[in-house]
Amino acid sequence: MSVVTISPEASVEEDEALMPQHQVRRLPVVENGNLVGMLALGDLAVQQQSDQKAGAALSEIFEKDHLH
């Protein structure tokens, strides 16, 4: 059995695709053959929530600017 890893430069889309494909909840982050971190499924969920909140805030700012 081989260990599935990602690089620090991997995109969120790549991370999201690898986890279900390999049925894992965590991916070791490896750079130059060295373990530099661990990405968990929960990390992606937090990132998505943050992105959604940022998008909502920008939409609200845009709407307020165009109403005045």
PDB file of N, CA and C in Angstrom:
ATOM      1  N   MET A   1       0.848  -1.180   0.000  1.00  0.00           N
ATOM      2  CA  MET A   1       0.000   0.000   0.000  1.00  0.00           C
ATOM      3  C   MET A   1       0.887   1.234   0.000  1.00  0.00           C
ATOM      4  N   SER A   2       0.598   2.181  -0.896  1.00  0.00           N
ATOM      5  CA  SER A   2       1.400   3.400  -0.961  1.00  0.00           C
ATOM      6  C   SER A   2       0.681   4.541  -0.246  1.00  0.00           C
ATOM      7  N   VAL A   3       1.470   5.486   0.219  1.00  0.00           N
ATOM      8  CA  VAL A   3       0.929   6.646   0.917  1.00  0.00           C
ATOM      9  C   VAL A   3       0.681   7.752  -0.101  1.00  0.00           C
ATOM     10  N   VAL A   4      -0.512   8.325  -0.079  1.00  0.00           N
ATOM     11  CA  VAL A   4      -0.862   9.422  -0.963  1.00  0.00           C
ATOM     12  C   VAL A   4      -0.424  10.714  -0.287  1.00  0.00           C
ATOM     13  N   THR A   5       0.351  11.534  -1.006  1.00  0.00           N
ATOM     14  CA  THR A   5       0.825  12.808  -0.462  1.00  0.00           C
ATOM     15  C   THR A   5       0.508  13.926  -1.436  1.00  0.00           C
ATOM     16  N   ILE A   6       0.658  15.159  -0.954  1.00  0.00           N
ATOM     17  CA  ILE A   6       0.500  16.337  -1.803  1.00  0.00           C
ATOM     18  C   ILE A   6       1.698  17.248  -1.574  1.00  0.00           C
ATOM     19  N   SER A   7       1.882  18.186  -2.476  1.00  0.00           N
ATOM     20  CA  SER A   7       2.946  19.171  -2.310  1.00  0.00           C
ATOM     21  C   SER A   7       2.346  20.451  -1.728  1.00  0.00           C
ATOM     22  N   PRO A   8       3.165  21.312  -1.140  1.00  0.00           N
ATOM     23  CA  PRO A   8       2.649  22.568  -0.597  1.00  0.00           C
ATOM     24  C   PRO A   8       2.034  23.462  -1.679  1.00  0.00           C
ATOM     25  N   GLU A   9       2.426  23.258  -2.929  1.00  0.00           N
ATOM     26  CA  GLU A   9       1.913  24.076  -4.024  1.00  0.00           C
ATOM     27  C   GLU A   9       0.593  23.564  -4.587  1.00  0.00           C
ATOM     28  N   ALA A  10       0.095  22.444  -4.093  1.00  0.00           N
ATOM     29  CA  ALA A  10      -1.148  21.865  -4.608  1.00  0.00           C
ATOM     30  C   ALA A  10      -2.311  22.828  -4.394  1.00  0.00           C
ATOM     31  N   SER A  11      -3.207  22.858  -5.362  1.00  0.00           N
ATOM     32  CA  SER A  11      -4.382  23.726  -5.245  1.00  0.00           C
ATOM     33  C   SER A  11      -5.429  23.069  -4.353  1.00  0.00           C
ATOM     34  N   VAL A  12      -6.365  23.868  -3.895  1.00  0.00           N
ATOM     35  CA  VAL A  12      -7.466  23.352  -3.087  1.00  0.00           C
ATOM     36  C   VAL A  12      -8.265  22.335  -3.892  1.00  0.00           C
ATOM     37  N   GLU A  13      -8.423  22.601  -5.184  1.00  0.00           N
ATOM     38  CA  GLU A  13      -9.170  21.676  -6.040  1.00  0.00           C
ATOM     39  C   GLU A  13      -8.481  20.313  -6.103  1.00  0.00           C
ATOM     40  N   GLU A  14      -7.151  20.319  -6.184  1.00  0.00           N
ATOM     41  CA  GLU A  14      -6.408  19.054  -6.208  1.00  0.00           C
ATOM     42  C   GLU A  14      -6.594  18.304  -4.885  1.00  0.00           C
ATOM     43  N   ASP A  15      -6.505  19.045  -3.778  1.00  0.00           N
ATOM     44  CA  ASP A  15      -6.675  18.432  -2.463  1.00  0.00           C
ATOM     45  C   ASP A  15      -8.060  17.819  -2.330  1.00  0.00           C
ATOM     46  N   GLU A  16      -9.063  18.579  -2.750  1.00  0.00           N
ATOM     47  CA  GLU A  16     -10.446  18.099  -2.641  1.00  0.00           C
ATOM     48  C   GLU A  16     -10.688  16.870  -3.514  1.00  0.00           C
ATOM     49  N   ALA A  17      -9.988  16.755  -4.620  1.00  0.00           N
ATOM     50  CA  ALA A  17     -10.160  15.607  -5.504  1.00  0.00           C
ATOM     51  C   ALA A  17      -9.454  14.363  -4.964  1.00  0.00           C
ATOM     52  N   LEU A  18      -8.285  14.544  -4.364  1.00  0.00           N
ATOM     53  CA  LEU A  18      -7.503  13.404  -3.883  1.00  0.00           C
ATOM     54  C   LEU A  18      -8.147  12.694  -2.702  1.00  0.00           C
ATOM     55  N   MET A  19      -8.732  13.447  -1.792  1.00  0.00           N
ATOM     56  CA  MET A  19      -9.270  12.826  -0.574  1.00  0.00           C
ATOM     57  C   MET A  19     -10.351  11.793  -0.867  1.00  0.00           C
ATOM     58  N   PRO A  20     -11.397  12.135  -1.605  1.00  0.00           N
ATOM     59  CA  PRO A  20     -12.406  11.108  -1.878  1.00  0.00           C
ATOM     60  C   PRO A  20     -11.901  10.020  -2.830  1.00  0.00           C
ATOM     61  N   GLN A  21     -11.044  10.396  -3.760  1.00  0.00           N
ATOM     62  CA  GLN A  21     -10.506   9.422  -4.712  1.00  0.00           C
ATOM     63  C   GLN A  21      -9.767   8.299  -3.989  1.00  0.00           C
ATOM     64  N   HIS A  22      -9.025   8.659  -2.943  1.00  0.00           N
ATOM     65  CA  HIS A  22      -8.243   7.669  -2.200  1.00  0.00           C
ATOM     66  C   HIS A  22      -8.879   7.297  -0.861  1.00  0.00           C
ATOM     67  N   GLN A  23     -10.070   7.836  -0.618  1.00  0.00           N
ATOM     68  CA  GLN A  23     -10.827   7.572   0.606  1.00  0.00           C
ATOM     69  C   GLN A  23     -10.000   7.835   1.867  1.00  0.00           C
ATOM     70  N   VAL A  24      -9.426   9.043   1.921  1.00  0.00           N
ATOM     71  CA  VAL A  24      -8.642   9.455   3.086  1.00  0.00           C
ATOM     72  C   VAL A  24      -9.185  10.777   3.619  1.00  0.00           C
ATOM     73  N   ARG A  25      -8.958  11.007   4.898  1.00  0.00           N
ATOM     74  CA  ARG A  25      -9.391  12.250   5.540  1.00  0.00           C
ATOM     75  C   ARG A  25      -8.228  13.192   5.794  1.00  0.00           C
ATOM     76  N   ARG A  26      -7.012  12.680   5.612  1.00  0.00           N
ATOM     77  CA  ARG A  26      -5.812  13.489   5.832  1.00  0.00           C
ATOM     78  C   ARG A  26      -4.806  13.205   4.736  1.00  0.00           C
ATOM     79  N   LEU A  27      -4.084  14.257   4.328  1.00  0.00           N
ATOM     80  CA  LEU A  27      -3.032  14.100   3.328  1.00  0.00           C
ATOM     81  C   LEU A  27      -1.734  14.677   3.878  1.00  0.00           C
ATOM     82  N   PRO A  28      -0.679  13.875   3.915  1.00  0.00           N
ATOM     83  CA  PRO A  28       0.623  14.410   4.304  1.00  0.00           C
ATOM     84  C   PRO A  28       1.102  15.393   3.226  1.00  0.00           C
ATOM     85  N   VAL A  29       1.632  16.521   3.660  1.00  0.00           N
ATOM     86  CA  VAL A  29       2.190  17.514   2.748  1.00  0.00           C
ATOM     87  C   VAL A  29       3.699  17.288   2.727  1.00  0.00           C
ATOM     88  N   VAL A  30       4.221  16.951   1.543  1.00  0.00           N
ATOM     89  CA  VAL A  30       5.630  16.579   1.416  1.00  0.00           C
ATOM     90  C   VAL A  30       6.317  17.498   0.418  1.00  0.00           C
ATOM     91  N   GLU A  31       7.480  18.021   0.830  1.00  0.00           N
ATOM     92  CA  GLU A  31       8.293  18.881  -0.026  1.00  0.00           C
ATOM     93  C   GLU A  31       9.723  18.359  -0.016  1.00  0.00           C
ATOM     94  N   ASN A  32      10.264  18.112  -1.190  1.00  0.00           N
ATOM     95  CA  ASN A  32      11.633  17.578  -1.321  1.00  0.00           C
ATOM     96  C   ASN A  32      11.847  16.325  -0.482  1.00  0.00           C
ATOM     97  N   GLY A  33      10.824  15.468  -0.430  1.00  0.00           N
ATOM     98  CA  GLY A  33      10.945  14.220   0.305  1.00  0.00           C
ATOM     99  C   GLY A  33      10.778  14.347   1.813  1.00  0.00           C
ATOM    100  N   ASN A  34      10.502  15.555   2.307  1.00  0.00           N
ATOM    101  CA  ASN A  34      10.328  15.784   3.749  1.00  0.00           C
ATOM    102  C   ASN A  34       8.889  16.143   4.087  1.00  0.00           C
ATOM    103  N   LEU A  35       8.393  15.569   5.158  1.00  0.00           N
ATOM    104  CA  LEU A  35       7.066  15.906   5.652  1.00  0.00           C
ATOM    105  C   LEU A  35       7.095  17.328   6.205  1.00  0.00           C
ATOM    106  N   VAL A  36       6.247  18.214   5.656  1.00  0.00           N
ATOM    107  CA  VAL A  36       6.220  19.601   6.118  1.00  0.00           C
ATOM    108  C   VAL A  36       4.876  19.989   6.721  1.00  0.00           C
ATOM    109  N   GLY A  37       3.890  19.075   6.652  1.00  0.00           N
ATOM    110  CA  GLY A  37       2.594  19.388   7.229  1.00  0.00           C
ATOM    111  C   GLY A  37       1.597  18.273   6.978  1.00  0.00           C
ATOM    112  N   MET A  38       0.396  18.521   7.446  1.00  0.00           N
ATOM    113  CA  MET A  38      -0.684  17.555   7.279  1.00  0.00           C
ATOM    114  C   MET A  38      -1.950  18.352   6.975  1.00  0.00           C
ATOM    115  N   LEU A  39      -2.639  17.980   5.915  1.00  0.00           N
ATOM    116  CA  LEU A  39      -3.885  18.629   5.540  1.00  0.00           C
ATOM    117  C   LEU A  39      -5.029  17.703   5.891  1.00  0.00           C
ATOM    118  N   ALA A  40      -5.974  18.200   6.666  1.00  0.00           N
ATOM    119  CA  ALA A  40      -7.131  17.403   7.081  1.00  0.00           C
ATOM    120  C   ALA A  40      -8.376  17.872   6.342  1.00  0.00           C
ATOM    121  N   LEU A  41      -9.334  16.990   6.227  1.00  0.00           N
ATOM    122  CA  LEU A  41     -10.602  17.301   5.586  1.00  0.00           C
ATOM    123  C   LEU A  41     -11.235  18.540   6.224  1.00  0.00           C
ATOM    124  N   GLY A  42     -11.132  18.658   7.538  1.00  0.00           N
ATOM    125  CA  GLY A  42     -11.671  19.818   8.242  1.00  0.00           C
ATOM    126  C   GLY A  42     -11.026  21.122   7.814  1.00  0.00           C
ATOM    127  N   ASP A  43      -9.746  21.078   7.440  1.00  0.00           N
ATOM    128  CA  ASP A  43      -9.059  22.283   6.961  1.00  0.00           C
ATOM    129  C   ASP A  43      -9.721  22.812   5.696  1.00  0.00           C
ATOM    130  N   LEU A  44     -10.117  21.910   4.814  1.00  0.00           N
ATOM    131  CA  LEU A  44     -10.779  22.322   3.578  1.00  0.00           C
ATOM    132  C   LEU A  44     -12.144  22.923   3.863  1.00  0.00           C
ATOM    133  N   ALA A  45     -12.854  22.353   4.831  1.00  0.00           N
ATOM    134  CA  ALA A  45     -14.173  22.876   5.194  1.00  0.00           C
ATOM    135  C   ALA A  45     -14.048  24.289   5.747  1.00  0.00           C
ATOM    136  N   VAL A  46     -13.048  24.530   6.579  1.00  0.00           N
ATOM    137  CA  VAL A  46     -12.827  25.871   7.147  1.00  0.00           C
ATOM    138  C   VAL A  46     -12.494  26.850   6.030  1.00  0.00           C
ATOM    139  N   GLN A  47     -11.650  26.430   5.081  1.00  0.00           N
ATOM    140  CA  GLN A  47     -11.278  27.291   3.957  1.00  0.00           C
ATOM    141  C   GLN A  47     -12.501  27.653   3.130  1.00  0.00           C
ATOM    142  N   GLN A  48     -13.371  26.677   2.868  1.00  0.00           N
ATOM    143  CA  GLN A  48     -14.572  26.939   2.080  1.00  0.00           C
ATOM    144  C   GLN A  48     -15.495  27.914   2.801  1.00  0.00           C
ATOM    145  N   GLN A  49     -15.652  27.758   4.116  1.00  0.00           N
ATOM    146  CA  GLN A  49     -16.490  28.677   4.889  1.00  0.00           C
ATOM    147  C   GLN A  49     -15.912  30.078   4.832  1.00  0.00           C
ATOM    148  N   SER A  50     -14.606  30.193   4.961  1.00  0.00           N
ATOM    149  CA  SER A  50     -13.942  31.487   4.913  1.00  0.00           C
ATOM    150  C   SER A  50     -14.152  32.140   3.550  1.00  0.00           C
ATOM    151  N   ASP A  51     -14.003  31.358   2.479  1.00  0.00           N
ATOM    152  CA  ASP A  51     -14.206  31.881   1.132  1.00  0.00           C
ATOM    153  C   ASP A  51     -15.641  32.344   0.933  1.00  0.00           C
ATOM    154  N   GLN A  52     -16.603  31.581   1.464  1.00  0.00           N
ATOM    155  CA  GLN A  52     -18.013  31.952   1.329  1.00  0.00           C
ATOM    156  C   GLN A  52     -18.309  33.240   2.088  1.00  0.00           C
ATOM    157  N   LYS A  53     -17.753  33.379   3.290  1.00  0.00           N
ATOM    158  CA  LYS A  53     -17.961  34.590   4.076  1.00  0.00           C
ATOM    159  C   LYS A  53     -17.341  35.800   3.389  1.00  0.00           C
ATOM    160  N   ALA A  54     -16.152  35.625   2.837  1.00  0.00           N
ATOM    161  CA  ALA A  54     -15.491  36.727   2.128  1.00  0.00           C
ATOM    162  C   ALA A  54     -16.310  37.135   0.909  1.00  0.00           C
ATOM    163  N   GLY A  55     -16.815  36.156   0.181  1.00  0.00           N
ATOM    164  CA  GLY A  55     -17.642  36.449  -0.984  1.00  0.00           C
ATOM    165  C   GLY A  55     -18.917  37.184  -0.602  1.00  0.00           C
ATOM    166  N   ALA A  56     -19.548  36.770   0.483  1.00  0.00           N
ATOM    167  CA  ALA A  56     -20.768  37.436   0.949  1.00  0.00           C
ATOM    168  C   ALA A  56     -20.470  38.872   1.371  1.00  0.00           C
ATOM    169  N   ALA A  57     -19.363  39.085   2.053  1.00  0.00           N
ATOM    170  CA  ALA A  57     -18.984  40.430   2.495  1.00  0.00           C
ATOM    171  C   ALA A  57     -18.717  41.331   1.288  1.00  0.00           C
ATOM    172  N   LEU A  58     -18.028  40.814   0.284  1.00  0.00           N
ATOM    173  CA  LEU A  58     -17.757  41.603  -0.915  1.00  0.00           C
ATOM    174  C   LEU A  58     -19.045  41.933  -1.656  1.00  0.00           C
ATOM    175  N   SER A  59     -19.964  40.991  -1.718  1.00  0.00           N
ATOM    176  CA  SER A  59     -21.251  41.243  -2.367  1.00  0.00           C
ATOM    177  C   SER A  59     -22.015  42.343  -1.650  1.00  0.00           C
ATOM    178  N   GLU A  60     -21.991  42.295  -0.327  1.00  0.00           N
ATOM    179  CA  GLU A  60     -22.685  43.306   0.466  1.00  0.00           C
ATOM    180  C   GLU A  60     -22.071  44.685   0.247  1.00  0.00           C
ATOM    181  N   ILE A  61     -20.761  44.762   0.224  1.00  0.00           N
ATOM    182  CA  ILE A  61     -20.075  46.038  -0.009  1.00  0.00           C
ATOM    183  C   ILE A  61     -20.421  46.556  -1.400  1.00  0.00           C
ATOM    184  N   PHE A  62     -20.406  45.686  -2.401  1.00  0.00           N
ATOM    185  CA  PHE A  62     -20.721  46.072  -3.771  1.00  0.00           C
ATOM    186  C   PHE A  62     -22.130  46.631  -3.865  1.00  0.00           C
ATOM    187  N   GLU A  63     -23.090  45.930  -3.213  1.00  0.00           N
ATOM    188  CA  GLU A  63     -24.483  46.379  -3.258  1.00  0.00           C
ATOM    189  C   GLU A  63     -24.647  47.737  -2.584  1.00  0.00           C
ATOM    190  N   LYS A  64     -23.997  47.951  -1.457  1.00  0.00           N
ATOM    191  CA  LYS A  64     -24.106  49.232  -0.757  1.00  0.00           C
ATOM    192  C   LYS A  64     -23.518  50.358  -1.583  1.00  0.00           C
ATOM    193  N   ASP A  65     -22.402  50.104  -2.263  1.00  0.00           N
ATOM    194  CA  ASP A  65     -21.773  51.126  -3.105  1.00  0.00           C
ATOM    195  C   ASP A  65     -22.662  51.512  -4.278  1.00  0.00           C
ATOM    196  N   HIS A  66     -23.415  50.561  -4.790  1.00  0.00           N
ATOM    197  CA  HIS A  66     -24.246  50.848  -5.961  1.00  0.00           C
ATOM    198  C   HIS A  66     -25.628  51.365  -5.598  1.00  0.00           C
ATOM    199  N   LEU A  67     -25.979  51.313  -4.335  1.00  0.00           N
ATOM    200  CA  LEU A  67     -27.268  51.853  -3.908  1.00  0.00           C
ATOM    201  C   LEU A  67     -27.173  53.347  -3.607  1.00  0.00           C
ATOM    202  N   HIS A  68     -25.985  53.851  -3.416  1.00  0.00           N
ATOM    203  CA  HIS A  68     -25.798  55.272  -3.056  1.00  0.00           C
ATOM    204  C   HIS A  68     -25.453  56.101  -4.240  1.00  0.00           C
TER     205      HIS A  68
END
